């Protein structure tokens, strides 16, 4: 979990190796950077790795498109959880934070805004 700029995590059922720790640290650094740029510092945003088996896909979804990155937003408490079953990357983090910043905007709008911000 995340509290301000301190990272706490639960390692139930898995060992955290150096590479995974570096990835986690990099993800949170990216998250902090964009949370600040988007004016979302009052929000607590957590990253949660989930098992690919937790996500159900239609049978017509090709295997290469079977991944999940999404955010659960709790506006009343100003909490967001980015769930992911693949490695995160900057574009995905920015995209999910934009769902918080511009709650209710459509996916096409969020995609365009993500591209626009990353060009700057």
PDB file of N, CA and C in Angstrom:
ATOM      1  N   UNK A   1       0.840  -1.175   0.000  1.00  0.00           N
ATOM      2  CA  UNK A   1       0.000   0.000   0.000  1.00  0.00           C
ATOM      3  C   UNK A   1       0.885   1.238   0.000  1.00  0.00           C
ATOM      4  N   UNK A   2       0.268   2.351  -0.198  1.00  0.00           N
ATOM      5  CA  UNK A   2       1.006   3.584  -0.354  1.00  0.00           C
ATOM      6  C   UNK A   2       0.492   4.624   0.618  1.00  0.00           C
ATOM      7  N   UNK A   3       1.401   5.298   1.292  1.00  0.00           N
ATOM      8  CA  UNK A   3       1.024   6.384   2.186  1.00  0.00           C
ATOM      9  C   UNK A   3       2.003   7.515   1.913  1.00  0.00           C
ATOM     10  N   UNK A   4       1.502   8.599   1.356  1.00  0.00           N
ATOM     11  CA  UNK A   4       2.354   9.690   0.913  1.00  0.00           C
ATOM     12  C   UNK A   4       3.419   9.148  -0.038  1.00  0.00           C
ATOM     13  N   UNK A   5       4.684   9.331   0.301  1.00  0.00           N
ATOM     14  CA  UNK A   5       5.731   8.828  -0.590  1.00  0.00           C
ATOM     15  C   UNK A   5       6.425   7.600  -0.018  1.00  0.00           C
ATOM     16  N   UNK A   6       5.757   6.905   0.877  1.00  0.00           N
ATOM     17  CA  UNK A   6       6.305   5.695   1.463  1.00  0.00           C
ATOM     18  C   UNK A   6       5.541   4.513   0.892  1.00  0.00           C
ATOM     19  N   UNK A   7       6.253   3.477   0.529  1.00  0.00           N
ATOM     20  CA  UNK A   7       5.627   2.300  -0.061  1.00  0.00           C
ATOM     21  C   UNK A   7       5.586   1.188   0.982  1.00  0.00           C
ATOM     22  N   UNK A   8       4.405   0.657   1.200  1.00  0.00           N
ATOM     23  CA  UNK A   8       4.218  -0.527   2.028  1.00  0.00           C
ATOM     24  C   UNK A   8       3.603  -1.573   1.124  1.00  0.00           C
ATOM     25  N   UNK A   9       4.001  -2.805   1.262  1.00  0.00           N
ATOM     26  CA  UNK A   9       3.400  -3.818   0.417  1.00  0.00           C
ATOM     27  C   UNK A   9       3.232  -5.104   1.200  1.00  0.00           C
ATOM     28  N   UNK A  10       2.332  -5.901   0.714  1.00  0.00           N
ATOM     29  CA  UNK A  10       2.010  -7.170   1.324  1.00  0.00           C
ATOM     30  C   UNK A  10       2.589  -8.262   0.439  1.00  0.00           C
ATOM     31  N   UNK A  11       3.494  -9.045   0.957  1.00  0.00           N
ATOM     32  CA  UNK A  11       4.088 -10.090   0.128  1.00  0.00           C
ATOM     33  C   UNK A  11       3.540 -11.461   0.476  1.00  0.00           C
ATOM     34  N   UNK A  12       2.273 -11.561   0.744  1.00  0.00           N
ATOM     35  CA  UNK A  12       1.661 -12.857   0.995  1.00  0.00           C
ATOM     36  C   UNK A  12       1.866 -13.753  -0.223  1.00  0.00           C
ATOM     37  N   UNK A  13       2.203 -14.970   0.023  1.00  0.00           N
ATOM     38  CA  UNK A  13       2.295 -16.006  -1.010  1.00  0.00           C
ATOM     39  C   UNK A  13       3.346 -15.751  -2.085  1.00  0.00           C
ATOM     40  N   UNK A  14       4.245 -14.798  -1.910  1.00  0.00           N
ATOM     41  CA  UNK A  14       5.283 -14.626  -2.926  1.00  0.00           C
ATOM     42  C   UNK A  14       6.506 -13.955  -2.323  1.00  0.00           C
ATOM     43  N   UNK A  15       7.637 -14.259  -2.923  1.00  0.00           N
ATOM     44  CA  UNK A  15       8.879 -13.612  -2.515  1.00  0.00           C
ATOM     45  C   UNK A  15       9.115 -12.437  -3.451  1.00  0.00           C
ATOM     46  N   UNK A  16       9.548 -11.321  -2.896  1.00  0.00           N
ATOM     47  CA  UNK A  16       9.858 -10.145  -3.702  1.00  0.00           C
ATOM     48  C   UNK A  16      11.363 -10.165  -3.985  1.00  0.00           C
ATOM     49  N   UNK A  17      11.742 -10.286  -5.236  1.00  0.00           N
ATOM     50  CA  UNK A  17      13.146 -10.302  -5.642  1.00  0.00           C
ATOM     51  C   UNK A  17      13.590  -8.883  -5.994  1.00  0.00           C
ATOM     52  N   UNK A  18      14.901  -8.688  -6.131  1.00  0.00           N
ATOM     53  CA  UNK A  18      15.448  -7.362  -6.406  1.00  0.00           C
ATOM     54  C   UNK A  18      14.825  -6.737  -7.653  1.00  0.00           C
ATOM     55  N   UNK A  19      14.720  -7.498  -8.735  1.00  0.00           N
ATOM     56  CA  UNK A  19      14.155  -6.956  -9.978  1.00  0.00           C
ATOM     57  C   UNK A  19      12.716  -6.516  -9.760  1.00  0.00           C
ATOM     58  N   UNK A  20      11.938  -7.341  -9.042  1.00  0.00           N
ATOM     59  CA  UNK A  20      10.547  -6.987  -8.778  1.00  0.00           C
ATOM     60  C   UNK A  20      10.458  -5.744  -7.887  1.00  0.00           C
ATOM     61  N   UNK A  21      11.374  -5.628  -6.925  1.00  0.00           N
ATOM     62  CA  UNK A  21      11.385  -4.445  -6.060  1.00  0.00           C
ATOM     63  C   UNK A  21      11.703  -3.194  -6.872  1.00  0.00           C
ATOM     64  N   UNK A  22      12.681  -3.308  -7.796  1.00  0.00           N
ATOM     65  CA  UNK A  22      13.018  -2.158  -8.632  1.00  0.00           C
ATOM     66  C   UNK A  22      11.832  -1.759  -9.499  1.00  0.00           C
ATOM     67  N   UNK A  23      11.124  -2.745 -10.043  1.00  0.00           N
ATOM     68  CA  UNK A  23       9.950  -2.454 -10.860  1.00  0.00           C
ATOM     69  C   UNK A  23       8.879  -1.774 -10.021  1.00  0.00           C
ATOM     70  N   UNK A  24       8.638  -2.285  -8.833  1.00  0.00           N
ATOM     71  CA  UNK A  24       7.650  -1.689  -7.935  1.00  0.00           C
ATOM     72  C   UNK A  24       8.036  -0.250  -7.596  1.00  0.00           C
ATOM     73  N   UNK A  25       9.309  -0.045  -7.277  1.00  0.00           N
ATOM     74  CA  UNK A  25       9.801   1.300  -6.955  1.00  0.00           C
ATOM     75  C   UNK A  25       9.631   2.231  -8.158  1.00  0.00           C
ATOM     76  N   UNK A  26      10.009   1.765  -9.344  1.00  0.00           N
ATOM     77  CA  UNK A  26       9.863   2.572 -10.560  1.00  0.00           C
ATOM     78  C   UNK A  26       8.399   2.905 -10.826  1.00  0.00           C
ATOM     79  N   UNK A  27       7.518   1.923 -10.642  1.00  0.00           N
ATOM     80  CA  UNK A  27       6.090   2.170 -10.852  1.00  0.00           C
ATOM     81  C   UNK A  27       5.563   3.230  -9.904  1.00  0.00           C
ATOM     82  N   UNK A  28       5.947   3.155  -8.638  1.00  0.00           N
ATOM     83  CA  UNK A  28       5.483   4.158  -7.685  1.00  0.00           C
ATOM     84  C   UNK A  28       6.108   5.524  -7.952  1.00  0.00           C
ATOM     85  N   UNK A  29       7.355   5.568  -8.404  1.00  0.00           N
ATOM     86  CA  UNK A  29       7.951   6.857  -8.757  1.00  0.00           C
ATOM     87  C   UNK A  29       7.190   7.491  -9.917  1.00  0.00           C
ATOM     88  N   UNK A  30       6.833   6.688 -10.915  1.00  0.00           N
ATOM     89  CA  UNK A  30       6.036   7.186 -12.037  1.00  0.00           C
ATOM     90  C   UNK A  30       4.669   7.633 -11.552  1.00  0.00           C
ATOM     91  N   UNK A  31       4.070   6.842 -10.690  1.00  0.00           N
ATOM     92  CA  UNK A  31       2.768   7.189 -10.127  1.00  0.00           C
ATOM     93  C   UNK A  31       2.833   8.516  -9.371  1.00  0.00           C
ATOM     94  N   UNK A  32       3.834   8.701  -8.506  1.00  0.00           N
ATOM     95  CA  UNK A  32       3.975   9.945  -7.747  1.00  0.00           C
ATOM     96  C   UNK A  32       4.154  11.144  -8.664  1.00  0.00           C
ATOM     97  N   UNK A  33       4.997  10.960  -9.685  1.00  0.00           N
ATOM     98  CA  UNK A  33       5.267  12.053 -10.633  1.00  0.00           C
ATOM     99  C   UNK A  33       3.978  12.515 -11.304  1.00  0.00           C
ATOM    100  N   UNK A  34       3.212  11.565 -11.853  1.00  0.00           N
ATOM    101  CA  UNK A  34       2.003  11.924 -12.596  1.00  0.00           C
ATOM    102  C   UNK A  34       0.846  12.306 -11.680  1.00  0.00           C
ATOM    103  N   UNK A  35       0.801  11.737 -10.501  1.00  0.00           N
ATOM    104  CA  UNK A  35      -0.226  12.145  -9.532  1.00  0.00           C
ATOM    105  C   UNK A  35      -0.049  13.629  -9.219  1.00  0.00           C
ATOM    106  N   UNK A  36       1.191  14.049  -9.052  1.00  0.00           N
ATOM    107  CA  UNK A  36       1.482  15.452  -8.781  1.00  0.00           C
ATOM    108  C   UNK A  36       1.173  16.333  -9.990  1.00  0.00           C
ATOM    109  N   UNK A  37       1.648  15.918 -11.180  1.00  0.00           N
ATOM    110  CA  UNK A  37       1.407  16.706 -12.396  1.00  0.00           C
ATOM    111  C   UNK A  37      -0.078  16.905 -12.665  1.00  0.00           C
ATOM    112  N   UNK A  38      -0.883  15.912 -12.320  1.00  0.00           N
ATOM    113  CA  UNK A  38      -2.322  15.990 -12.591  1.00  0.00           C
ATOM    114  C   UNK A  38      -3.111  16.602 -11.437  1.00  0.00           C
ATOM    115  N   UNK A  39      -2.407  17.039 -10.391  1.00  0.00           N
ATOM    116  CA  UNK A  39      -3.086  17.675  -9.269  1.00  0.00           C
ATOM    117  C   UNK A  39      -3.922  16.713  -8.442  1.00  0.00           C
ATOM    118  N   UNK A  40      -3.428  15.493  -8.301  1.00  0.00           N
ATOM    119  CA  UNK A  40      -4.174  14.469  -7.563  1.00  0.00           C
ATOM    120  C   UNK A  40      -3.470  14.065  -6.264  1.00  0.00           C
ATOM    121  N   UNK A  41      -2.689  14.975  -5.691  1.00  0.00           N
ATOM    122  CA  UNK A  41      -1.924  14.636  -4.489  1.00  0.00           C
ATOM    123  C   UNK A  41      -2.787  14.294  -3.293  1.00  0.00           C
ATOM    124  N   UNK A  42      -4.038  14.742  -3.281  1.00  0.00           N
ATOM    125  CA  UNK A  42      -4.912  14.421  -2.154  1.00  0.00           C
ATOM    126  C   UNK A  42      -5.475  13.001  -2.256  1.00  0.00           C
ATOM    127  N   UNK A  43      -5.209  12.344  -3.375  1.00  0.00           N
ATOM    128  CA  UNK A  43      -5.667  10.980  -3.600  1.00  0.00           C
ATOM    129  C   UNK A  43      -4.608   9.971  -3.148  1.00  0.00           C
ATOM    130  N   UNK A  44      -5.049   8.867  -2.583  1.00  0.00           N
ATOM    131  CA  UNK A  44      -4.185   7.723  -2.299  1.00  0.00           C
ATOM    132  C   UNK A  44      -4.426   6.731  -3.421  1.00  0.00           C
ATOM    133  N   UNK A  45      -3.379   6.459  -4.189  1.00  0.00           N
ATOM    134  CA  UNK A  45      -3.479   5.538  -5.313  1.00  0.00           C
ATOM    135  C   UNK A  45      -2.567   4.353  -5.025  1.00  0.00           C
ATOM    136  N   UNK A  46      -3.120   3.171  -5.119  1.00  0.00           N
ATOM    137  CA  UNK A  46      -2.394   1.940  -4.851  1.00  0.00           C
ATOM    138  C   UNK A  46      -2.246   1.138  -6.139  1.00  0.00           C
ATOM    139  N   UNK A  47      -1.201   0.333  -6.192  1.00  0.00           N
ATOM    140  CA  UNK A  47      -0.989  -0.576  -7.313  1.00  0.00           C
ATOM    141  C   UNK A  47      -1.163  -1.991  -6.780  1.00  0.00           C
ATOM    142  N   UNK A  48      -1.962  -2.790  -7.480  1.00  0.00           N
ATOM    143  CA  UNK A  48      -2.170  -4.163  -7.022  1.00  0.00           C
ATOM    144  C   UNK A  48      -2.052  -5.133  -8.189  1.00  0.00           C
ATOM    145  N   UNK A  49      -1.038  -5.979  -8.093  1.00  0.00           N
ATOM    146  CA  UNK A  49      -0.834  -7.025  -9.082  1.00  0.00           C
ATOM    147  C   UNK A  49      -1.837  -8.134  -8.807  1.00  0.00           C
ATOM    148  N   UNK A  50      -2.553  -8.539  -9.850  1.00  0.00           N
ATOM    149  CA  UNK A  50      -3.530  -9.611  -9.712  1.00  0.00           C
ATOM    150  C   UNK A  50      -3.120 -10.778 -10.610  1.00  0.00           C
ATOM    151  N   UNK A  51      -3.693 -11.916 -10.355  1.00  0.00           N
ATOM    152  CA  UNK A  51      -3.435 -13.094 -11.189  1.00  0.00           C
ATOM    153  C   UNK A  51      -4.226 -12.982 -12.485  1.00  0.00           C
ATOM    154  N   UNK A  52      -3.625 -13.345 -13.609  1.00  0.00           N
ATOM    155  CA  UNK A  52      -4.374 -13.348 -14.871  1.00  0.00           C
ATOM    156  C   UNK A  52      -5.629 -14.225 -14.812  1.00  0.00           C
ATOM    157  N   UNK A  53      -5.626 -15.195 -13.915  1.00  0.00           N
ATOM    158  CA  UNK A  53      -6.776 -16.088 -13.783  1.00  0.00           C
ATOM    159  C   UNK A  53      -7.974 -15.408 -13.119  1.00  0.00           C
ATOM    160  N   UNK A  54      -7.771 -14.230 -12.550  1.00  0.00           N
ATOM    161  CA  UNK A  54      -8.864 -13.488 -11.927  1.00  0.00           C
ATOM    162  C   UNK A  54      -9.704 -12.731 -12.952  1.00  0.00           C
ATOM    163  N   UNK A  55      -9.222 -12.663 -14.181  1.00  0.00           N
ATOM    164  CA  UNK A  55      -9.899 -11.895 -15.221  1.00  0.00           C
ATOM    165  C   UNK A  55     -10.549 -12.861 -16.199  1.00  0.00           C
ATOM    166  N   UNK A  56     -11.812 -12.611 -16.497  1.00  0.00           N
ATOM    167  CA  UNK A  56     -12.550 -13.454 -17.449  1.00  0.00           C
ATOM    168  C   UNK A  56     -12.641 -12.732 -18.786  1.00  0.00           C
ATOM    169  N   UNK A  57     -12.357 -13.439 -19.862  1.00  0.00           N
ATOM    170  CA  UNK A  57     -12.401 -12.869 -21.207  1.00  0.00           C
ATOM    171  C   UNK A  57     -13.403 -13.643 -22.049  1.00  0.00           C
ATOM    172  N   UNK A  58     -13.991 -12.973 -23.022  1.00  0.00           N
ATOM    173  CA  UNK A  58     -14.816 -13.663 -24.013  1.00  0.00           C
ATOM    174  C   UNK A  58     -13.909 -14.579 -24.818  1.00  0.00           C
ATOM    175  N   UNK A  59     -14.461 -15.643 -25.329  1.00  0.00           N
ATOM    176  CA  UNK A  59     -13.666 -16.618 -26.076  1.00  0.00           C
ATOM    177  C   UNK A  59     -13.070 -16.037 -27.357  1.00  0.00           C
ATOM    178  N   UNK A  60     -13.659 -14.949 -27.868  1.00  0.00           N
ATOM    179  CA  UNK A  60     -13.164 -14.364 -29.117  1.00  0.00           C
ATOM    180  C   UNK A  60     -11.993 -13.394 -28.915  1.00  0.00           C
ATOM    181  N   UNK A  61     -11.561 -13.181 -27.669  1.00  0.00           N
ATOM    182  CA  UNK A  61     -10.423 -12.293 -27.403  1.00  0.00           C
ATOM    183  C   UNK A  61      -9.136 -13.091 -27.633  1.00  0.00           C
ATOM    184  N   UNK A  62      -8.289 -12.638 -28.579  1.00  0.00           N
ATOM    185  CA  UNK A  62      -7.032 -13.353 -28.846  1.00  0.00           C
ATOM    186  C   UNK A  62      -6.132 -13.381 -27.607  1.00  0.00           C
ATOM    187  N   UNK A  63      -5.324 -14.410 -27.483  1.00  0.00           N
ATOM    188  CA  UNK A  63      -4.447 -14.561 -26.314  1.00  0.00           C
ATOM    189  C   UNK A  63      -3.561 -13.347 -26.084  1.00  0.00           C
ATOM    190  N   UNK A  64      -3.043 -12.730 -27.172  1.00  0.00           N
ATOM    191  CA  UNK A  64      -2.146 -11.574 -27.000  1.00  0.00           C
ATOM    192  C   UNK A  64      -2.869 -10.343 -26.444  1.00  0.00           C
ATOM    193  N   UNK A  65      -4.189 -10.341 -26.500  1.00  0.00           N
ATOM    194  CA  UNK A  65      -4.973  -9.225 -25.953  1.00  0.00           C
ATOM    195  C   UNK A  65      -5.555  -9.545 -24.580  1.00  0.00           C
ATOM    196  N   UNK A  66      -5.139 -10.642 -23.996  1.00  0.00           N
ATOM    197  CA  UNK A  66      -5.665 -11.042 -22.697  1.00  0.00           C
ATOM    198  C   UNK A  66      -4.758 -10.549 -21.579  1.00  0.00           C
ATOM    199  N   UNK A  67      -4.911  -9.294 -21.266  1.00  0.00           N
ATOM    200  CA  UNK A  67      -4.211  -8.676 -20.142  1.00  0.00           C
ATOM    201  C   UNK A  67      -5.156  -7.657 -19.537  1.00  0.00           C
ATOM    202  N   UNK A  68      -4.881  -7.268 -18.297  1.00  0.00           N
ATOM    203  CA  UNK A  68      -5.784  -6.335 -17.641  1.00  0.00           C
ATOM    204  C   UNK A  68      -4.993  -5.254 -16.926  1.00  0.00           C
ATOM    205  N   UNK A  69      -5.393  -4.011 -17.168  1.00  0.00           N
ATOM    206  CA  UNK A  69      -4.944  -2.859 -16.392  1.00  0.00           C
ATOM    207  C   UNK A  69      -6.180  -1.986 -16.240  1.00  0.00           C
ATOM    208  N   UNK A  70      -6.581  -1.737 -15.015  1.00  0.00           N
ATOM    209  CA  UNK A  70      -7.769  -0.920 -14.784  1.00  0.00           C
ATOM    210  C   UNK A  70      -7.738  -0.325 -13.393  1.00  0.00           C
ATOM    211  N   UNK A  71      -8.532   0.711 -13.193  1.00  0.00           N
ATOM    212  CA  UNK A  71      -8.544   1.383 -11.895  1.00  0.00           C
ATOM    213  C   UNK A  71      -9.927   1.320 -11.275  1.00  0.00           C
ATOM    214  N   UNK A  72      -9.942   1.045  -9.989  1.00  0.00           N
ATOM    215  CA  UNK A  72     -11.157   1.155  -9.182  1.00  0.00           C
ATOM    216  C   UNK A  72     -11.074   2.509  -8.478  1.00  0.00           C
ATOM    217  N   UNK A  73     -12.095   3.315  -8.641  1.00  0.00           N
ATOM    218  CA  UNK A  73     -12.092   4.672  -8.089  1.00  0.00           C
ATOM    219  C   UNK A  73     -13.127   4.769  -6.982  1.00  0.00           C
ATOM    220  N   UNK A  74     -12.688   5.238  -5.816  1.00  0.00           N
ATOM    221  CA  UNK A  74     -13.584   5.484  -4.681  1.00  0.00           C
ATOM    222  C   UNK A  74     -13.532   6.978  -4.378  1.00  0.00           C
ATOM    223  N   UNK A  75     -14.337   7.763  -5.121  1.00  0.00           N
ATOM    224  CA  UNK A  75     -14.231   9.224  -5.011  1.00  0.00           C
ATOM    225  C   UNK A  75     -14.540   9.766  -3.617  1.00  0.00           C
ATOM    226  N   UNK A  76     -15.437   9.134  -2.916  1.00  0.00           N
ATOM    227  CA  UNK A  76     -15.810   9.636  -1.582  1.00  0.00           C
ATOM    228  C   UNK A  76     -14.607   9.654  -0.640  1.00  0.00           C
ATOM    229  N   UNK A  77     -13.773   8.621  -0.739  1.00  0.00           N
ATOM    230  CA  UNK A  77     -12.588   8.512   0.120  1.00  0.00           C
ATOM    231  C   UNK A  77     -11.310   8.971  -0.560  1.00  0.00           C
ATOM    232  N   UNK A  78     -11.426   9.347  -1.849  1.00  0.00           N
ATOM    233  CA  UNK A  78     -10.263   9.737  -2.648  1.00  0.00           C
ATOM    234  C   UNK A  78      -9.197   8.647  -2.648  1.00  0.00           C
ATOM    235  N   UNK A  79      -9.654   7.447  -2.992  1.00  0.00           N
ATOM    236  CA  UNK A  79      -8.782   6.286  -3.085  1.00  0.00           C
ATOM    237  C   UNK A  79      -8.955   5.668  -4.469  1.00  0.00           C
ATOM    238  N   UNK A  80      -7.850   5.264  -5.058  1.00  0.00           N
ATOM    239  CA  UNK A  80      -7.883   4.539  -6.318  1.00  0.00           C
ATOM    240  C   UNK A  80      -6.953   3.342  -6.238  1.00  0.00           C
ATOM    241  N   UNK A  81      -7.348   2.262  -6.881  1.00  0.00           N
ATOM    242  CA  UNK A  81      -6.506   1.065  -6.939  1.00  0.00           C
ATOM    243  C   UNK A  81      -6.346   0.684  -8.401  1.00  0.00           C
ATOM    244  N   UNK A  82      -5.105   0.695  -8.864  1.00  0.00           N
ATOM    245  CA  UNK A  82      -4.808   0.251 -10.222  1.00  0.00           C
ATOM    246  C   UNK A  82      -4.492  -1.238 -10.147  1.00  0.00           C
ATOM    247  N   UNK A  83      -5.399  -2.032 -10.689  1.00  0.00           N
ATOM    248  CA  UNK A  83      -5.208  -3.481 -10.761  1.00  0.00           C
ATOM    249  C   UNK A  83      -4.528  -3.803 -12.086  1.00  0.00           C
ATOM    250  N   UNK A  84      -3.599  -4.726 -12.052  1.00  0.00           N
ATOM    251  CA  UNK A  84      -2.903  -5.103 -13.287  1.00  0.00           C
ATOM    252  C   UNK A  84      -2.412  -6.531 -13.192  1.00  0.00           C
ATOM    253  N   UNK A  85      -2.444  -7.219 -14.344  1.00  0.00           N
ATOM    254  CA  UNK A  85      -1.911  -8.581 -14.386  1.00  0.00           C
ATOM    255  C   UNK A  85      -0.719  -8.679 -15.337  1.00  0.00           C
ATOM    256  N   UNK A  86      -0.222  -7.531 -15.771  1.00  0.00           N
ATOM    257  CA  UNK A  86       0.994  -7.425 -16.581  1.00  0.00           C
ATOM    258  C   UNK A  86       1.844  -6.313 -15.979  1.00  0.00           C
ATOM    259  N   UNK A  87       3.094  -6.231 -16.431  1.00  0.00           N
ATOM    260  CA  UNK A  87       3.954  -5.148 -15.957  1.00  0.00           C
ATOM    261  C   UNK A  87       3.357  -3.808 -16.360  1.00  0.00           C
ATOM    262  N   UNK A  88       3.426  -2.852 -15.456  1.00  0.00           N
ATOM    263  CA  UNK A  88       2.934  -1.514 -15.753  1.00  0.00           C
ATOM    264  C   UNK A  88       3.990  -0.720 -16.509  1.00  0.00           C
ATOM    265  N   UNK A  89       3.550   0.319 -17.177  1.00  0.00           N
ATOM    266  CA  UNK A  89       4.420   1.217 -17.920  1.00  0.00           C
ATOM    267  C   UNK A  89       3.792   2.605 -17.813  1.00  0.00           C
ATOM    268  N   UNK A  90       4.588   3.628 -18.112  1.00  0.00           N
ATOM    269  CA  UNK A  90       4.165   5.005 -17.876  1.00  0.00           C
ATOM    270  C   UNK A  90       2.832   5.334 -18.536  1.00  0.00           C
ATOM    271  N   UNK A  91       2.658   4.966 -19.783  1.00  0.00           N
ATOM    272  CA  UNK A  91       1.418   5.291 -20.483  1.00  0.00           C
ATOM    273  C   UNK A  91       0.205   4.710 -19.750  1.00  0.00           C
ATOM    274  N   UNK A  92       0.316   3.496 -19.264  1.00  0.00           N
ATOM    275  CA  UNK A  92      -0.805   2.860 -18.562  1.00  0.00           C
ATOM    276  C   UNK A  92      -1.110   3.578 -17.257  1.00  0.00           C
ATOM    277  N   UNK A  93      -0.078   3.973 -16.526  1.00  0.00           N
ATOM    278  CA  UNK A  93      -0.284   4.682 -15.259  1.00  0.00           C
ATOM    279  C   UNK A  93      -0.949   6.030 -15.514  1.00  0.00           C
ATOM    280  N   UNK A  94      -0.457   6.781 -16.495  1.00  0.00           N
ATOM    281  CA  UNK A  94      -1.059   8.079 -16.839  1.00  0.00           C
ATOM    282  C   UNK A  94      -2.508   7.882 -17.245  1.00  0.00           C
ATOM    283  N   UNK A  95      -2.771   6.895 -18.082  1.00  0.00           N
ATOM    284  CA  UNK A  95      -4.121   6.608 -18.560  1.00  0.00           C
ATOM    285  C   UNK A  95      -5.077   6.367 -17.382  1.00  0.00           C
ATOM    286  N   UNK A  96      -4.666   5.532 -16.445  1.00  0.00           N
ATOM    287  CA  UNK A  96      -5.543   5.214 -15.310  1.00  0.00           C
ATOM    288  C   UNK A  96      -5.735   6.429 -14.401  1.00  0.00           C
ATOM    289  N   UNK A  97      -4.684   7.228 -14.211  1.00  0.00           N
ATOM    290  CA  UNK A  97      -4.831   8.441 -13.393  1.00  0.00           C
ATOM    291  C   UNK A  97      -5.775   9.450 -14.054  1.00  0.00           C
ATOM    292  N   UNK A  98      -5.786   9.474 -15.366  1.00  0.00           N
ATOM    293  CA  UNK A  98      -6.715  10.376 -16.067  1.00  0.00           C
ATOM    294  C   UNK A  98      -8.166   9.976 -15.830  1.00  0.00           C
ATOM    295  N   UNK A  99      -8.416   8.705 -15.601  1.00  0.00           N
ATOM    296  CA  UNK A  99      -9.776   8.277 -15.250  1.00  0.00           C
ATOM    297  C   UNK A  99     -10.197   8.880 -13.913  1.00  0.00           C
ATOM    298  N   UNK A 100      -9.240   9.102 -13.030  1.00  0.00           N
ATOM    299  CA  UNK A 100      -9.525   9.744 -11.743  1.00  0.00           C
ATOM    300  C   UNK A 100      -9.744  11.238 -11.957  1.00  0.00           C
ATOM    301  N   UNK A 101      -8.809  11.856 -12.640  1.00  0.00           N
ATOM    302  CA  UNK A 101      -8.856  13.312 -12.873  1.00  0.00           C
ATOM    303  C   UNK A 101     -10.116  13.718 -13.635  1.00  0.00           C
ATOM    304  N   UNK A 102     -10.468  12.960 -14.637  1.00  0.00           N
ATOM    305  CA  UNK A 102     -11.605  13.297 -15.504  1.00  0.00           C
ATOM    306  C   UNK A 102     -12.654  12.188 -15.431  1.00  0.00           C
ATOM    307  N   UNK A 103     -13.089  11.924 -14.212  1.00  0.00           N
ATOM    308  CA  UNK A 103     -14.066  10.867 -13.961  1.00  0.00           C
ATOM    309  C   UNK A 103     -15.291  11.059 -14.854  1.00  0.00           C
ATOM    310  N   UNK A 104     -15.682  10.009 -15.526  1.00  0.00           N
ATOM    311  CA  UNK A 104     -16.863  10.073 -16.383  1.00  0.00           C
ATOM    312  C   UNK A 104     -16.559  10.310 -17.848  1.00  0.00           C
ATOM    313  N   UNK A 105     -15.336  10.735 -18.159  1.00  0.00           N
ATOM    314  CA  UNK A 105     -14.970  10.911 -19.568  1.00  0.00           C
ATOM    315  C   UNK A 105     -14.822   9.533 -20.219  1.00  0.00           C
ATOM    316  N   UNK A 106     -15.124   9.465 -21.493  1.00  0.00           N
ATOM    317  CA  UNK A 106     -15.074   8.206 -22.228  1.00  0.00           C
ATOM    318  C   UNK A 106     -13.663   7.728 -22.507  1.00  0.00           C
ATOM    319  N   UNK A 107     -13.573   6.464 -22.871  1.00  0.00           N
ATOM    320  CA  UNK A 107     -12.282   5.833 -23.125  1.00  0.00           C
ATOM    321  C   UNK A 107     -11.530   6.497 -24.283  1.00  0.00           C
ATOM    322  N   UNK A 108     -12.238   6.863 -25.339  1.00  0.00           N
ATOM    323  CA  UNK A 108     -11.578   7.530 -26.474  1.00  0.00           C
ATOM    324  C   UNK A 108     -10.967   8.860 -26.044  1.00  0.00           C
ATOM    325  N   UNK A 109     -11.689   9.622 -25.250  1.00  0.00           N
ATOM    326  CA  UNK A 109     -11.201  10.915 -24.764  1.00  0.00           C
ATOM    327  C   UNK A 109      -9.961  10.711 -23.889  1.00  0.00           C
ATOM    328  N   UNK A 110     -10.034   9.721 -22.995  1.00  0.00           N
ATOM    329  CA  UNK A 110      -8.897   9.425 -22.101  1.00  0.00           C
ATOM    330  C   UNK A 110      -7.683   8.991 -22.924  1.00  0.00           C
ATOM    331  N   UNK A 111      -7.894   8.179 -23.947  1.00  0.00           N
ATOM    332  CA  UNK A 111      -6.782   7.745 -24.807  1.00  0.00           C
ATOM    333  C   UNK A 111      -6.103   8.938 -25.471  1.00  0.00           C
ATOM    334  N   UNK A 112      -6.891   9.859 -26.015  1.00  0.00           N
ATOM    335  CA  UNK A 112      -6.330  11.044 -26.676  1.00  0.00           C
ATOM    336  C   UNK A 112      -5.592  11.936 -25.683  1.00  0.00           C
ATOM    337  N   UNK A 113      -6.162  12.133 -24.507  1.00  0.00           N
ATOM    338  CA  UNK A 113      -5.531  12.971 -23.475  1.00  0.00           C
ATOM    339  C   UNK A 113      -4.208  12.336 -23.017  1.00  0.00           C
ATOM    340  N   UNK A 114      -4.177  11.012 -22.905  1.00  0.00           N
ATOM    341  CA  UNK A 114      -2.950  10.321 -22.534  1.00  0.00           C
ATOM    342  C   UNK A 114      -1.847  10.587 -23.548  1.00  0.00           C
ATOM    343  N   UNK A 115      -2.174  10.432 -24.827  1.00  0.00           N
ATOM    344  CA  UNK A 115      -1.202  10.692 -25.899  1.00  0.00           C
ATOM    345  C   UNK A 115      -0.712  12.129 -25.846  1.00  0.00           C
ATOM    346  N   UNK A 116      -1.642  13.061 -25.665  1.00  0.00           N
ATOM    347  CA  UNK A 116      -1.310  14.494 -25.611  1.00  0.00           C
ATOM    348  C   UNK A 116      -0.329  14.781 -24.463  1.00  0.00           C
ATOM    349  N   UNK A 117      -0.609  14.269 -23.291  1.00  0.00           N
ATOM    350  CA  UNK A 117       0.249  14.527 -22.120  1.00  0.00           C
ATOM    351  C   UNK A 117       1.636  13.913 -22.274  1.00  0.00           C
ATOM    352  N   UNK A 118       1.705  12.744 -22.861  1.00  0.00           N
ATOM    353  CA  UNK A 118       3.000  12.079 -22.988  1.00  0.00           C
ATOM    354  C   UNK A 118       3.883  12.696 -24.069  1.00  0.00           C
ATOM    355  N   UNK A 119       3.296  13.504 -24.956  1.00  0.00           N
ATOM    356  CA  UNK A 119       4.083  14.212 -25.974  1.00  0.00           C
ATOM    357  C   UNK A 119       4.789  15.437 -25.389  1.00  0.00           C
ATOM    358  N   UNK A 120       4.299  15.931 -24.272  1.00  0.00           N
ATOM    359  CA  UNK A 120       4.855  17.153 -23.678  1.00  0.00           C
ATOM    360  C   UNK A 120       6.209  16.918 -23.060  1.00  0.00           C
TER     361      UNK A 120
END
